[in-house]
Amino acid sequence: MTGERAAPFLLAVEDEPRNAALLEAILGRAGFRLHVASGVTAARAFLDRATPDLVLLDRHLPDGDGLDLIPEIRGSERLGDVPILLVSASVLPRDVQAAMDAGCDAFLAKPIRIKPLVDEIRRLLDVGEEARKLAD
């Protein structure tokens, strides 16, 4: 083995099954591993036992606001440096600003566009070239 690293592991907090399936298809093809949590409670349970390389976070979830997870992640010694990318249909300037003020590293609007999503994840993880090689 030549020092190969495992593909980056992402947590997506997304309650819409079609969006979750789309994320799995896009990100799997781009060389990422993905776990999908369908809400705030499921995300908390997952984060209690795992450390993803990045969190993709929706805002409007059936059991709360995705922004409520951000202070918990940022306040954790283990998770505090994990990049958070908010992917939301709430795109008014005040919504984007609320996400950034809460501690998100970046924001993308829904509907999801493949290239901007993959490019932003690679930028946040600083794994552009490595991830491209894994996807080939």
C-alpha atoms as a PDB file:
ATOM      1  CA  MET A   1       0.000   0.000   0.000  1.00  0.00           C
ATOM      2  CA  THR A   2       1.365   3.425  -0.944  1.00  0.00           C
ATOM      3  CA  GLY A   3      -0.035   5.493   1.911  1.00  0.00           C
ATOM      4  CA  GLU A   4      -3.493   5.741   0.370  1.00  0.00           C
ATOM      5  CA  ARG A   5      -6.034   7.453   2.571  1.00  0.00           C
ATOM      6  CA  ALA A   6      -9.638   6.394   2.828  1.00  0.00           C
ATOM      7  CA  ALA A   7     -12.134   8.454   0.887  1.00  0.00           C
ATOM      8  CA  PRO A   8     -13.412  11.419   2.920  1.00  0.00           C
ATOM      9  CA  PHE A   9     -16.429  10.551   5.048  1.00  0.00           C
ATOM     10  CA  LEU A  10     -19.347  12.989   5.020  1.00  0.00           C
ATOM     11  CA  LEU A  11     -22.485  13.334   7.104  1.00  0.00           C
ATOM     12  CA  ALA A  12     -25.500  14.713   5.247  1.00  0.00           C
ATOM     13  CA  VAL A  13     -28.410  15.874   7.379  1.00  0.00           C
ATOM     14  CA  GLU A  14     -31.257  15.706   4.867  1.00  0.00           C
ATOM     15  CA  ASP A  15     -34.878  14.643   5.414  1.00  0.00           C
ATOM     16  CA  GLU A  16     -36.110  14.496   1.819  1.00  0.00           C
ATOM     17  CA  PRO A  17     -35.517  10.971   0.435  1.00  0.00           C
ATOM     18  CA  ARG A  18     -35.023  12.197  -3.151  1.00  0.00           C
ATOM     19  CA  ASN A  19     -32.434  14.760  -2.063  1.00  0.00           C
ATOM     20  CA  ALA A  20     -30.675  12.137   0.074  1.00  0.00           C
ATOM     21  CA  ALA A  21     -30.558   9.714  -2.872  1.00  0.00           C
ATOM     22  CA  LEU A  22     -29.238  12.477  -5.113  1.00  0.00           C
ATOM     23  CA  LEU A  23     -26.491  13.311  -2.617  1.00  0.00           C
ATOM     24  CA  GLU A  24     -25.545   9.633  -2.333  1.00  0.00           C
ATOM     25  CA  ALA A  25     -25.292   9.314  -6.120  1.00  0.00           C
ATOM     26  CA  ILE A  26     -23.356  12.551  -6.664  1.00  0.00           C
ATOM     27  CA  LEU A  27     -20.963  12.181  -3.763  1.00  0.00           C
ATOM     28  CA  GLY A  28     -20.375   8.466  -4.219  1.00  0.00           C
ATOM     29  CA  ARG A  29     -19.423   9.057  -7.828  1.00  0.00           C
ATOM     30  CA  ALA A  30     -17.113  11.890  -6.732  1.00  0.00           C
ATOM     31  CA  GLY A  31     -15.236   9.516  -4.423  1.00  0.00           C
ATOM     32  CA  PHE A  32     -16.767  10.364  -1.052  1.00  0.00           C
ATOM     33  CA  ARG A  33     -18.325   8.071   1.535  1.00  0.00           C
ATOM     34  CA  LEU A  34     -21.635   9.331   2.917  1.00  0.00           C
ATOM     35  CA  HIS A  35     -23.930   8.741   5.860  1.00  0.00           C
ATOM     36  CA  VAL A  36     -27.385  10.349   5.721  1.00  0.00           C
ATOM     37  CA  ALA A  37     -29.234  11.396   8.877  1.00  0.00           C
ATOM     38  CA  SER A  38     -32.886  12.302   8.376  1.00  0.00           C
ATOM     39  CA  GLY A  39     -33.061  14.933  11.088  1.00  0.00           C
ATOM     40  CA  VAL A  40     -31.461  16.712  14.015  1.00  0.00           C
ATOM     41  CA  THR A  41     -31.984  13.802  16.440  1.00  0.00           C
ATOM     42  CA  ALA A  42     -30.468  11.245  14.043  1.00  0.00           C
ATOM     43  CA  ALA A  43     -27.546  13.579  13.334  1.00  0.00           C
ATOM     44  CA  ARG A  44     -26.864  14.025  17.059  1.00  0.00           C
ATOM     45  CA  ALA A  45     -26.911  10.251  17.582  1.00  0.00           C
ATOM     46  CA  PHE A  46     -24.506   9.747  14.690  1.00  0.00           C
ATOM     47  CA  LEU A  47     -22.160  12.530  15.836  1.00  0.00           C
ATOM     48  CA  ASP A  48     -22.055  11.006  19.337  1.00  0.00           C
ATOM     49  CA  ARG A  49     -20.240   7.990  17.880  1.00  0.00           C
ATOM     50  CA  ALA A  50     -18.544   9.149  14.663  1.00  0.00           C
ATOM     51  CA  THR A  51     -16.384  11.963  13.365  1.00  0.00           C
ATOM     52  CA  PRO A  52     -17.127  12.869   9.760  1.00  0.00           C
ATOM     53  CA  ASP A  53     -14.684  14.858   7.663  1.00  0.00           C
ATOM     54  CA  LEU A  54     -17.469  17.303   6.724  1.00  0.00           C
ATOM     55  CA  VAL A  55     -21.135  17.928   7.577  1.00  0.00           C
ATOM     56  CA  LEU A  56     -23.662  18.815   4.866  1.00  0.00           C
ATOM     57  CA  LEU A  57     -26.512  20.411   6.733  1.00  0.00           C
ATOM     58  CA  ASP A  58     -30.067  21.190   5.688  1.00  0.00           C
ATOM     59  CA  ARG A  59     -31.901  23.875   7.581  1.00  0.00           C
ATOM     60  CA  HIS A  60     -35.565  22.878   7.755  1.00  0.00           C
ATOM     61  CA  LEU A  61     -35.818  19.419   9.257  1.00  0.00           C
ATOM     62  CA  PRO A  62     -38.842  17.605  10.687  1.00  0.00           C
ATOM     63  CA  ASP A  63     -37.473  17.733  14.232  1.00  0.00           C
ATOM     64  CA  GLY A  64     -35.823  21.151  14.273  1.00  0.00           C
ATOM     65  CA  ASP A  65     -33.621  23.705  12.617  1.00  0.00           C
ATOM     66  CA  GLY A  66     -30.327  22.385  11.282  1.00  0.00           C
ATOM     67  CA  LEU A  67     -28.649  25.539  12.570  1.00  0.00           C
ATOM     68  CA  ASP A  68     -29.216  24.224  16.101  1.00  0.00           C
ATOM     69  CA  LEU A  69     -26.555  21.556  15.464  1.00  0.00           C
ATOM     70  CA  ILE A  70     -23.844  24.074  14.643  1.00  0.00           C
ATOM     71  CA  PRO A  71     -23.046  25.294  18.188  1.00  0.00           C
ATOM     72  CA  GLU A  72     -22.992  21.684  19.358  1.00  0.00           C
ATOM     73  CA  ILE A  73     -20.497  20.737  16.651  1.00  0.00           C
ATOM     74  CA  ARG A  74     -18.381  23.865  17.132  1.00  0.00           C
ATOM     75  CA  GLY A  75     -18.396  23.397  20.918  1.00  0.00           C
ATOM     76  CA  SER A  76     -17.128  19.829  20.736  1.00  0.00           C
ATOM     77  CA  GLU A  77     -13.437  19.202  21.212  1.00  0.00           C
ATOM     78  CA  ARG A  78     -13.646  16.252  18.792  1.00  0.00           C
ATOM     79  CA  LEU A  79     -15.879  17.860  16.159  1.00  0.00           C
ATOM     80  CA  GLY A  80     -15.085  21.562  16.469  1.00  0.00           C
ATOM     81  CA  ASP A  81     -12.910  21.757  13.353  1.00  0.00           C
ATOM     82  CA  VAL A  82     -15.215  19.725  11.086  1.00  0.00           C
ATOM     83  CA  PRO A  83     -16.274  21.923   8.154  1.00  0.00           C
ATOM     84  CA  ILE A  84     -20.000  22.596   7.890  1.00  0.00           C
ATOM     85  CA  LEU A  85     -21.640  23.259   4.524  1.00  0.00           C
ATOM     86  CA  LEU A  86     -25.241  24.434   4.716  1.00  0.00           C
ATOM     87  CA  VAL A  87     -27.264  23.297   1.708  1.00  0.00           C
ATOM     88  CA  SER A  88     -30.651  24.955   1.891  1.00  0.00           C
ATOM     89  CA  ALA A  89     -33.581  26.323  -0.065  1.00  0.00           C
ATOM     90  CA  SER A  90     -33.644  29.248   2.387  1.00  0.00           C
ATOM     91  CA  VAL A  91     -31.605  31.629   0.271  1.00  0.00           C
ATOM     92  CA  LEU A  92     -32.670  35.079   1.409  1.00  0.00           C
ATOM     93  CA  PRO A  93     -29.681  37.211   2.432  1.00  0.00           C
ATOM     94  CA  ARG A  94     -30.771  37.064   6.087  1.00  0.00           C
ATOM     95  CA  ASP A  95     -30.890  33.227   5.906  1.00  0.00           C
ATOM     96  CA  VAL A  96     -27.403  33.000   4.430  1.00  0.00           C
ATOM     97  CA  GLN A  97     -26.116  35.473   7.030  1.00  0.00           C
ATOM     98  CA  ALA A  98     -27.768  33.487   9.853  1.00  0.00           C
ATOM     99  CA  ALA A  99     -25.987  30.348   8.636  1.00  0.00           C
ATOM    100  CA  MET A 100     -22.623  32.076   8.498  1.00  0.00           C
ATOM    101  CA  ASP A 101     -23.175  33.761  11.883  1.00  0.00           C
ATOM    102  CA  ALA A 102     -24.032  30.363  13.380  1.00  0.00           C
ATOM    103  CA  GLY A 103     -20.652  28.996  12.272  1.00  0.00           C
ATOM    104  CA  CYS A 104     -21.110  27.456   8.841  1.00  0.00           C
ATOM    105  CA  ASP A 105     -18.037  27.418   6.645  1.00  0.00           C
ATOM    106  CA  ALA A 106     -20.002  27.761   3.412  1.00  0.00           C
ATOM    107  CA  PHE A 107     -23.512  27.929   1.959  1.00  0.00           C
ATOM    108  CA  LEU A 108     -25.003  26.435  -1.197  1.00  0.00           C
ATOM    109  CA  ALA A 109     -28.533  26.972  -2.434  1.00  0.00           C
ATOM    110  CA  LYS A 110     -30.944  24.214  -3.343  1.00  0.00           C
ATOM    111  CA  PRO A 111     -31.702  22.822  -5.801  1.00  0.00           C
ATOM    112  CA  ILE A 112     -28.361  21.073  -5.667  1.00  0.00           C
ATOM    113  CA  ARG A 113     -26.061  21.575  -8.626  1.00  0.00           C
ATOM    114  CA  ILE A 114     -23.463  18.840  -8.991  1.00  0.00           C
ATOM    115  CA  LYS A 115     -20.280  20.723  -9.883  1.00  0.00           C
ATOM    116  CA  PRO A 116     -20.655  23.550  -7.316  1.00  0.00           C
ATOM    117  CA  LEU A 117     -21.450  20.994  -4.594  1.00  0.00           C
ATOM    118  CA  VAL A 118     -18.485  18.747  -5.331  1.00  0.00           C
ATOM    119  CA  ASP A 119     -16.143  21.712  -5.853  1.00  0.00           C
ATOM    120  CA  GLU A 120     -17.168  23.302  -2.551  1.00  0.00           C
ATOM    121  CA  ILE A 121     -16.729  20.059  -0.614  1.00  0.00           C
ATOM    122  CA  ARG A 122     -13.293  19.560  -2.150  1.00  0.00           C
ATOM    123  CA  ARG A 123     -12.375  23.161  -1.316  1.00  0.00           C
ATOM    124  CA  LEU A 124     -13.504  22.811   2.294  1.00  0.00           C
ATOM    125  CA  LEU A 125     -11.643  19.525   2.692  1.00  0.00           C
ATOM    126  CA  ASP A 126      -8.654  20.708   0.673  1.00  0.00           C
ATOM    127  CA  VAL A 127      -8.642  17.364  -1.134  1.00  0.00           C
ATOM    128  CA  GLY A 128      -9.336  18.440  -4.691  1.00  0.00           C
ATOM    129  CA  GLU A 129      -6.753  16.456  -6.578  1.00  0.00           C
ATOM    130  CA  GLU A 130      -6.819  13.455  -4.232  1.00  0.00           C
ATOM    131  CA  ALA A 131     -10.613  13.154  -4.432  1.00  0.00           C
ATOM    132  CA  ARG A 132     -10.517  13.386  -8.219  1.00  0.00           C
ATOM    133  CA  LYS A 133      -8.047  10.484  -8.343  1.00  0.00           C
ATOM    134  CA  LEU A 134     -10.315   8.399  -6.091  1.00  0.00           C
ATOM    135  CA  ALA A 135     -13.274   9.054  -8.393  1.00  0.00           C
ATOM    136  CA  ASP A 136     -11.391   7.927 -11.526  1.00  0.00           C
END
